[in-house]
Each structure stands twice: as structure tokens, then as C-alpha cells.
Amino acid sequence: MKAFRVVGHYPASKKKQAFTIDFVASDEDEAKHRLYSHIGSRHRVRRRHITIESVDQIDPSTSSSAHVIHAFRDTITADPPYSVDDSEE
């Protein structure tokens, strides 16, 4: 599985609603399918009204999406919020 960032827009009322969403998928086609499913179910927008501008594979550590972080939690190494230094004892 890989992490993908999908950028695009869809019509919302009289304006265009822009989006940038990160997904975990095996390839670009699956990432597009997950986007259509996600936007369609949450915002009731048909697939033909969603415009995808780009689908890029990203480094999972750059994502803030909970799904991506959860999927790659073993490979993402996070720095602790504080430094542990036992030499000052």
C-alpha cells in the first residue's frame, strides 16, 4: 500500500469547493475510486461533477490524515516531544 494526495474541486452551491485529501491505496486508480466514494457519500456529489487536478504519491510522514498515519504507523518514526538525557543524573 502507498500514500496518495488527491487535489481537485467540486461544485458546492454557486461556488467551487477545493479539496486536498490523502488516501492509502495500492495505485492511482484505487486512490481516485476512494476519492469519488468519499466525496460522493459525504457531500452527495456525483462522480462526473468532481474534477481531479492531480494524484501524487507522497511520503506518509508528510500526511496529517489519521488513516495514512495509522496505516504507516510502523514505518513513520516520530521524534519524542522532549529529549531524554540520562547523563545529568
C-alpha atoms as a PDB file:
ATOM      1  CA  MET A   1       0.000   0.000   0.000  1.00  0.00           C
ATOM      2  CA  LYS A   2       1.085   3.546  -0.750  1.00  0.00           C
ATOM      3  CA  ALA A   3       0.010   7.023   0.313  1.00  0.00           C
ATOM      4  CA  PHE A   4      -1.546   9.341  -2.292  1.00  0.00           C
ATOM      5  CA  ARG A   5      -2.569  13.006  -2.182  1.00  0.00           C
ATOM      6  CA  VAL A   6      -5.530  13.894  -4.404  1.00  0.00           C
ATOM      7  CA  VAL A   7      -6.180  17.558  -5.275  1.00  0.00           C
ATOM      8  CA  GLY A   8      -9.249  18.908  -7.058  1.00  0.00           C
ATOM      9  CA  HIS A   9     -12.627  20.608  -6.682  1.00  0.00           C
ATOM     10  CA  TYR A  10     -16.370  20.009  -6.919  1.00  0.00           C
ATOM     11  CA  PRO A  11     -19.396  22.318  -7.189  1.00  0.00           C
ATOM     12  CA  ALA A  12     -20.945  23.341  -3.882  1.00  0.00           C
ATOM     13  CA  SER A  13     -23.872  25.705  -4.202  1.00  0.00           C
ATOM     14  CA  LYS A  14     -22.717  28.541  -6.510  1.00  0.00           C
ATOM     15  CA  LYS A  15     -19.002  28.112  -5.791  1.00  0.00           C
ATOM     16  CA  LYS A  16     -16.303  25.524  -6.370  1.00  0.00           C
ATOM     17  CA  GLN A  17     -15.143  23.727  -3.245  1.00  0.00           C
ATOM     18  CA  ALA A  18     -11.446  22.874  -3.405  1.00  0.00           C
ATOM     19  CA  PHE A  19     -10.063  19.817  -1.627  1.00  0.00           C
ATOM     20  CA  THR A  20      -6.787  18.110  -0.836  1.00  0.00           C
ATOM     21  CA  ILE A  21      -7.255  14.638   0.640  1.00  0.00           C
ATOM     22  CA  ASP A  22      -4.725  11.922   1.479  1.00  0.00           C
ATOM     23  CA  PHE A  23      -5.592   8.260   0.939  1.00  0.00           C
ATOM     24  CA  VAL A  24      -3.966   4.871   1.394  1.00  0.00           C
ATOM     25  CA  ALA A  25      -4.289   2.868  -1.833  1.00  0.00           C
ATOM     26  CA  SER A  26      -2.418   0.353  -3.945  1.00  0.00           C
ATOM     27  CA  ASP A  27      -2.353   2.541  -7.092  1.00  0.00           C
ATOM     28  CA  GLU A  28      -3.662   5.824  -8.548  1.00  0.00           C
ATOM     29  CA  ASP A  29      -6.886   4.276  -9.851  1.00  0.00           C
ATOM     30  CA  GLU A  30      -7.812   2.998  -6.401  1.00  0.00           C
ATOM     31  CA  ALA A  31      -6.994   6.415  -4.892  1.00  0.00           C
ATOM     32  CA  LYS A  32      -9.371   8.040  -7.407  1.00  0.00           C
ATOM     33  CA  HIS A  33     -12.076   5.490  -6.620  1.00  0.00           C
ATOM     34  CA  ARG A  34     -11.708   6.142  -2.875  1.00  0.00           C
ATOM     35  CA  LEU A  35     -11.942   9.889  -3.508  1.00  0.00           C
ATOM     36  CA  TYR A  36     -15.135   9.540  -5.568  1.00  0.00           C
ATOM     37  CA  SER A  37     -16.623   7.312  -2.888  1.00  0.00           C
ATOM     38  CA  HIS A  38     -15.619   9.652  -0.057  1.00  0.00           C
ATOM     39  CA  ILE A  39     -16.807  12.919  -1.641  1.00  0.00           C
ATOM     40  CA  GLY A  40     -19.950  11.326  -3.059  1.00  0.00           C
ATOM     41  CA  SER A  41     -21.072   9.833   0.226  1.00  0.00           C
ATOM     42  CA  ARG A  42     -20.246  12.831   2.406  1.00  0.00           C
ATOM     43  CA  HIS A  43     -21.354  15.656   0.098  1.00  0.00           C
ATOM     44  CA  ARG A  44     -23.786  13.917  -2.307  1.00  0.00           C
ATOM     45  CA  VAL A  45     -21.764  14.922  -5.369  1.00  0.00           C
ATOM     46  CA  ARG A  46     -21.841  12.688  -8.434  1.00  0.00           C
ATOM     47  CA  ARG A  47     -18.575  11.409  -9.861  1.00  0.00           C
ATOM     48  CA  ARG A  48     -18.974  13.347 -13.097  1.00  0.00           C
ATOM     49  CA  HIS A  49     -19.081  16.633 -11.145  1.00  0.00           C
ATOM     50  CA  ILE A  50     -15.810  16.004  -9.289  1.00  0.00           C
ATOM     51  CA  THR A  51     -12.728  17.413 -11.030  1.00  0.00           C
ATOM     52  CA  ILE A  52      -9.406  15.820 -10.097  1.00  0.00           C
ATOM     53  CA  GLU A  53      -6.433  18.070 -10.792  1.00  0.00           C
ATOM     54  CA  SER A  54      -3.656  15.772  -9.591  1.00  0.00           C
ATOM     55  CA  VAL A  55      -2.982  12.431  -7.927  1.00  0.00           C
ATOM     56  CA  ASP A  56       0.526  12.192  -6.473  1.00  0.00           C
ATOM     57  CA  GLN A  57       2.251   9.547  -4.415  1.00  0.00           C
ATOM     58  CA  ILE A  58       3.530  11.106  -1.195  1.00  0.00           C
ATOM     59  CA  ASP A  59       5.768  10.234   1.708  1.00  0.00           C
ATOM     60  CA  PRO A  60       3.449   9.013   4.502  1.00  0.00           C
ATOM     61  CA  SER A  61       5.297  11.072   7.119  1.00  0.00           C
ATOM     62  CA  THR A  62       4.177  14.311   5.412  1.00  0.00           C
ATOM     63  CA  SER A  63       0.474  13.485   5.787  1.00  0.00           C
ATOM     64  CA  SER A  64      -1.744  14.675   8.633  1.00  0.00           C
ATOM     65  CA  SER A  65      -4.566  12.261   7.733  1.00  0.00           C
ATOM     66  CA  ALA A  66      -5.382   9.829  10.527  1.00  0.00           C
ATOM     67  CA  HIS A  67      -5.930   6.979   8.049  1.00  0.00           C
ATOM     68  CA  VAL A  68      -2.491   7.412   6.495  1.00  0.00           C
ATOM     69  CA  ILE A  69      -0.759   7.757   9.862  1.00  0.00           C
ATOM     70  CA  HIS A  70      -2.499   4.624  11.138  1.00  0.00           C
ATOM     71  CA  ALA A  71      -1.623   2.595   8.035  1.00  0.00           C
ATOM     72  CA  PHE A  72       2.060   3.526   8.203  1.00  0.00           C
ATOM     73  CA  ARG A  73       2.500   3.804  11.995  1.00  0.00           C
ATOM     74  CA  ASP A  74       5.243   1.175  11.992  1.00  0.00           C
ATOM     75  CA  THR A  75       7.326   2.922   9.331  1.00  0.00           C
ATOM     76  CA  ILE A  76       6.866   6.538  10.458  1.00  0.00           C
ATOM     77  CA  THR A  77       9.369   7.386  13.151  1.00  0.00           C
ATOM     78  CA  ALA A  78       8.227  10.272  15.270  1.00  0.00           C
ATOM     79  CA  ASP A  79      10.623  12.295  17.401  1.00  0.00           C
ATOM     80  CA  PRO A  80       9.614  12.412  21.059  1.00  0.00           C
ATOM     81  CA  PRO A  81       8.251  15.788  22.170  1.00  0.00           C
ATOM     82  CA  TYR A  82      11.071  16.076  24.711  1.00  0.00           C
ATOM     83  CA  SER A  83      14.660  14.935  24.931  1.00  0.00           C
ATOM     84  CA  VAL A  84      15.548  12.139  27.318  1.00  0.00           C
ATOM     85  CA  ASP A  85      19.040  12.673  28.656  1.00  0.00           C
ATOM     86  CA  ASP A  86      20.067  10.342  31.479  1.00  0.00           C
ATOM     87  CA  SER A  87      23.655  11.642  31.676  1.00  0.00           C
ATOM     88  CA  GLU A  88      22.738  14.534  34.027  1.00  0.00           C
ATOM     89  CA  GLU A  89      21.828  12.289  36.976  1.00  0.00           C
END
